[in-house]
Amino acid sequence: MNCPNCGTPLTPGTTFCTTCGAKVPAEAAAQPAYSAQPAYGAQPAYGAPQPNYGAQPNYGAPQPAYGAPQSTRGPVAFGQRNIGLCLLLSVLTCGIYMLIWFINLIGELNSCSEEQQKTGVGMVLVYTILTCGLYQAFWAYKAGDQINSAKSVRDMPTNPNHGLVFMVLSVVSAPLALALIQNELNKIAAHYGAPEVV
């Protein structure tokens, strides 16, 4: 049964519409509600069209494999960092800001790179601590590959020596290696006009 005024479905025995407040005639209120659902266990006749209770998701459609790389060819999700300010804050906070900067660099590199095997932030920190900083040199080498990957998919010039330069600098001076990696990420961000962040 529906409201004669607005058409809202009503439950049997209702005397007033819950939507518009119109009085429902007594004979309409006494009518049993019509159910479009078939009775439980009822089978449709052979060849009869099946009821469509709404669009169902297509579970047979091919889905991307778990862990499959997602395309990162578009604009980046990070801004340009002021390298001088990052170095100054690292000195003023006795290296605490450098750790935050390092964590952000890992995440930003992973977000813009097309590399399939990316090491997460937590694993890089754990490996760096367990190896007394030696893993950071390996990570810096891999960062060069990630930067080249990110630049190549965006049609930007790449440098095959980035990884070696970053690795050597991370052994000599980790803040300088981070500064050069940040400089390359700033170039990628500037390619899309990303704003400067701290």
Protein backbone atom coordinates (compact mmCIF):
# COMPACT_ATOMS: atom_id res chain seq x y z
CA MET A 1 0.00 0.00 0.00
CA ASN A 2 1.24 3.49 -0.90
CA CYS A 3 0.25 6.93 0.32
CA PRO A 4 -2.41 8.41 -2.03
CA ASN A 5 -0.82 11.86 -1.61
CA CYS A 6 2.95 11.33 -2.03
CA GLY A 7 3.28 7.67 -3.03
CA THR A 8 5.46 6.62 -0.06
CA PRO A 9 5.17 2.88 0.76
CA LEU A 10 3.23 2.38 4.00
CA THR A 11 2.90 -0.52 6.40
CA PRO A 12 -0.52 -2.16 6.76
CA GLY A 13 -2.81 -0.55 9.32
CA THR A 14 -1.20 2.90 9.02
CA THR A 15 -3.72 5.73 9.29
CA PHE A 16 -1.37 8.64 8.49
CA CYS A 17 1.55 8.88 6.04
CA THR A 18 4.89 9.09 7.83
CA THR A 19 6.33 11.34 5.10
CA CYS A 20 3.66 13.91 4.27
CA GLY A 21 1.19 13.35 7.11
CA ALA A 22 -1.82 12.79 4.82
CA LYS A 23 -4.70 10.67 6.15
CA VAL A 24 -4.82 7.22 4.59
CA PRO A 25 -8.35 5.97 3.67
CA ALA A 26 -9.57 3.15 5.92
CA GLU A 27 -10.04 0.66 3.05
CA ALA A 28 -6.45 1.28 1.87
CA ALA A 29 -5.12 0.86 5.40
CA ALA A 30 -6.87 -2.51 5.73
CA GLN A 31 -5.29 -3.94 2.54
CA PRO A 32 -2.38 -6.33 3.07
CA ALA A 33 0.97 -5.14 1.84
CA TYR A 34 2.12 -6.55 -1.49
CA SER A 35 5.52 -8.21 -1.45
CA ALA A 36 7.53 -8.35 -4.66
CA GLN A 37 9.78 -11.03 -3.14
CA PRO A 38 8.92 -14.65 -3.97
CA ALA A 39 7.97 -16.91 -1.09
CA TYR A 40 10.84 -18.64 0.66
CA GLY A 41 11.81 -21.74 -1.27
CA ALA A 42 9.63 -20.90 -4.28
CA GLN A 43 11.30 -21.71 -7.60
CA PRO A 44 10.54 -19.70 -10.74
CA ALA A 45 9.11 -21.60 -13.69
CA TYR A 46 11.59 -23.06 -16.16
CA GLY A 47 12.63 -20.37 -18.66
CA ALA A 48 11.04 -17.56 -16.62
CA PRO A 49 13.22 -14.47 -16.20
CA GLN A 50 15.08 -14.37 -12.92
CA PRO A 51 14.26 -11.46 -10.60
CA ASN A 52 16.93 -8.76 -10.47
CA TYR A 53 17.28 -7.52 -6.91
CA GLY A 54 19.90 -4.94 -7.85
CA ALA A 55 23.21 -4.82 -9.57
CA GLN A 56 25.62 -7.40 -8.30
CA PRO A 57 29.39 -6.91 -8.46
CA ASN A 58 31.12 -8.79 -11.23
CA TYR A 59 33.14 -11.29 -9.22
CA GLY A 60 34.39 -12.98 -12.38
CA ALA A 61 36.16 -9.85 -13.66
CA PRO A 62 39.95 -10.00 -13.51
CA GLN A 63 41.37 -8.24 -10.48
CA PRO A 64 44.91 -6.93 -10.09
CA ALA A 65 47.13 -9.33 -8.21
CA TYR A 66 47.83 -8.58 -4.57
CA GLY A 67 50.93 -6.42 -4.39
CA ALA A 68 50.82 -5.59 -8.10
CA PRO A 69 52.39 -2.18 -8.74
CA GLN A 70 49.90 0.62 -9.12
CA SER A 71 50.61 3.23 -11.76
CA THR A 72 52.34 6.30 -10.35
CA ARG A 73 52.72 8.24 -13.57
CA GLY A 74 50.61 11.22 -12.55
CA PRO A 75 51.37 14.16 -10.29
CA VAL A 76 53.15 13.39 -7.06
CA ALA A 77 51.46 13.45 -3.66
CA PHE A 78 54.21 15.46 -1.95
CA GLY A 79 55.65 18.93 -2.16
CA GLN A 80 59.11 20.38 -2.51
CA ARG A 81 61.21 20.60 0.67
CA ASN A 82 63.62 23.41 1.42
CA ILE A 83 66.92 21.52 1.69
CA GLY A 84 68.72 24.26 3.64
CA LEU A 85 65.94 24.39 6.21
CA CYS A 86 65.95 20.57 6.52
CA LEU A 87 69.69 20.58 7.18
CA LEU A 88 69.38 23.45 9.69
CA LEU A 89 66.56 21.73 11.58
CA SER A 90 68.59 18.50 11.62
CA VAL A 91 71.49 20.31 13.30
CA LEU A 92 69.27 22.26 15.73
CA THR A 93 67.41 19.12 16.86
CA CYS A 94 70.59 17.03 17.17
CA GLY A 95 69.56 14.72 14.33
CA ILE A 96 65.94 14.11 15.36
CA TYR A 97 64.58 16.06 12.40
CA MET A 98 66.98 14.18 10.10
CA LEU A 99 65.28 10.93 11.18
CA ILE A 100 61.86 12.44 10.36
CA TRP A 101 63.23 13.71 7.05
CA PHE A 102 64.65 10.23 6.30
CA ILE A 103 61.27 8.61 7.01
CA ASN A 104 59.50 11.11 4.74
CA LEU A 105 62.03 10.52 1.94
CA ILE A 106 61.43 6.77 2.09
CA GLY A 107 57.67 7.24 1.81
CA GLU A 108 57.94 9.82 -0.98
CA LEU A 109 60.32 7.66 -2.99
CA ASN A 110 58.02 4.65 -2.63
CA SER A 111 54.99 6.69 -3.66
CA CYS A 112 56.46 8.04 -6.90
CA SER A 113 58.55 5.06 -8.02
CA GLU A 114 57.52 2.31 -10.45
CA GLU A 115 59.79 -0.23 -8.73
CA GLN A 116 57.97 -3.45 -7.83
CA GLN A 117 59.97 -4.35 -4.74
CA LYS A 118 59.83 -1.35 -2.45
CA THR A 119 61.13 -1.60 1.09
CA GLY A 120 58.76 -0.07 3.62
CA VAL A 121 59.67 2.67 6.05
CA GLY A 122 59.72 0.36 9.07
CA MET A 123 61.96 -2.22 7.43
CA VAL A 124 64.47 0.41 6.27
CA LEU A 125 64.67 1.81 9.81
CA VAL A 126 65.03 -1.63 11.40
CA TYR A 127 67.72 -2.73 8.93
CA THR A 128 69.57 0.58 9.34
CA ILE A 129 69.59 0.22 13.14
CA LEU A 130 70.54 -3.48 13.08
CA THR A 131 73.47 -2.85 10.71
CA CYS A 132 74.65 0.30 12.53
CA GLY A 133 73.87 2.48 9.55
CA LEU A 134 75.35 0.30 6.79
CA TYR A 135 71.93 -0.50 5.34
CA GLN A 136 71.38 3.21 4.77
CA ALA A 137 74.17 3.11 2.17
CA PHE A 138 72.40 0.27 0.35
CA TRP A 139 69.08 2.14 0.63
CA ALA A 140 70.72 5.25 -0.85
CA TYR A 141 71.95 3.17 -3.80
CA LYS A 142 68.42 1.80 -4.33
CA ALA A 143 67.05 5.36 -3.98
CA GLY A 144 68.99 6.25 -7.12
CA ASP A 145 67.20 3.45 -8.98
CA GLN A 146 63.84 4.59 -7.64
CA ILE A 147 64.48 8.20 -8.69
CA ASN A 148 65.50 7.09 -12.18
CA SER A 149 62.37 4.93 -12.38
CA ALA A 150 60.16 7.82 -11.26
CA LYS A 151 61.78 10.21 -13.73
CA SER A 152 61.67 7.82 -16.68
CA VAL A 153 57.91 7.24 -16.44
CA ARG A 154 57.42 11.01 -16.33
CA ASP A 155 59.63 11.59 -19.38
CA MET A 156 62.28 13.43 -17.35
CA PRO A 157 66.05 12.99 -17.91
CA THR A 158 67.66 10.31 -15.74
CA ASN A 159 71.22 9.76 -14.50
CA PRO A 160 72.49 6.17 -14.14
CA ASN A 161 75.12 7.30 -11.60
CA HIS A 162 72.62 8.53 -8.99
CA GLY A 163 72.73 5.32 -6.95
CA LEU A 164 76.52 5.23 -6.74
CA VAL A 165 76.78 8.92 -5.80
CA PHE A 166 74.08 8.58 -3.13
CA MET A 167 75.72 5.46 -1.67
CA VAL A 168 79.18 7.04 -1.41
CA LEU A 169 77.76 10.21 0.10
CA SER A 170 75.69 8.29 2.65
CA VAL A 171 78.89 6.61 3.89
CA VAL A 172 80.76 9.93 4.04
CA SER A 173 77.90 12.16 5.22
CA ALA A 174 74.32 10.93 5.53
CA PRO A 175 72.81 14.47 5.62
CA LEU A 176 74.45 15.30 2.27
CA ALA A 177 73.09 12.11 0.72
CA LEU A 178 69.61 12.98 2.00
CA ALA A 179 70.01 16.51 0.62
CA LEU A 180 70.87 15.21 -2.87
CA ILE A 181 68.01 12.70 -2.81
CA GLN A 182 65.68 15.49 -1.70
CA ASN A 183 66.97 17.68 -4.54
CA GLU A 184 66.00 15.01 -7.07
CA LEU A 185 62.56 14.57 -5.47
CA ASN A 186 62.12 18.36 -5.59
CA LYS A 187 62.77 18.25 -9.33
CA ILE A 188 60.03 15.64 -9.76
CA ALA A 189 57.63 17.69 -7.60
CA ALA A 190 58.53 20.91 -9.44
CA HIS A 191 57.73 19.17 -12.73
CA TYR A 192 54.08 19.27 -11.58
CA GLY A 193 54.24 22.63 -9.81
CA ALA A 194 53.96 21.18 -6.28
CA PRO A 195 54.22 23.73 -3.45
CA GLU A 196 57.08 23.90 -0.95
CA VAL A 197 56.62 22.14 2.41
CA VAL A 198 58.81 21.94 5.52
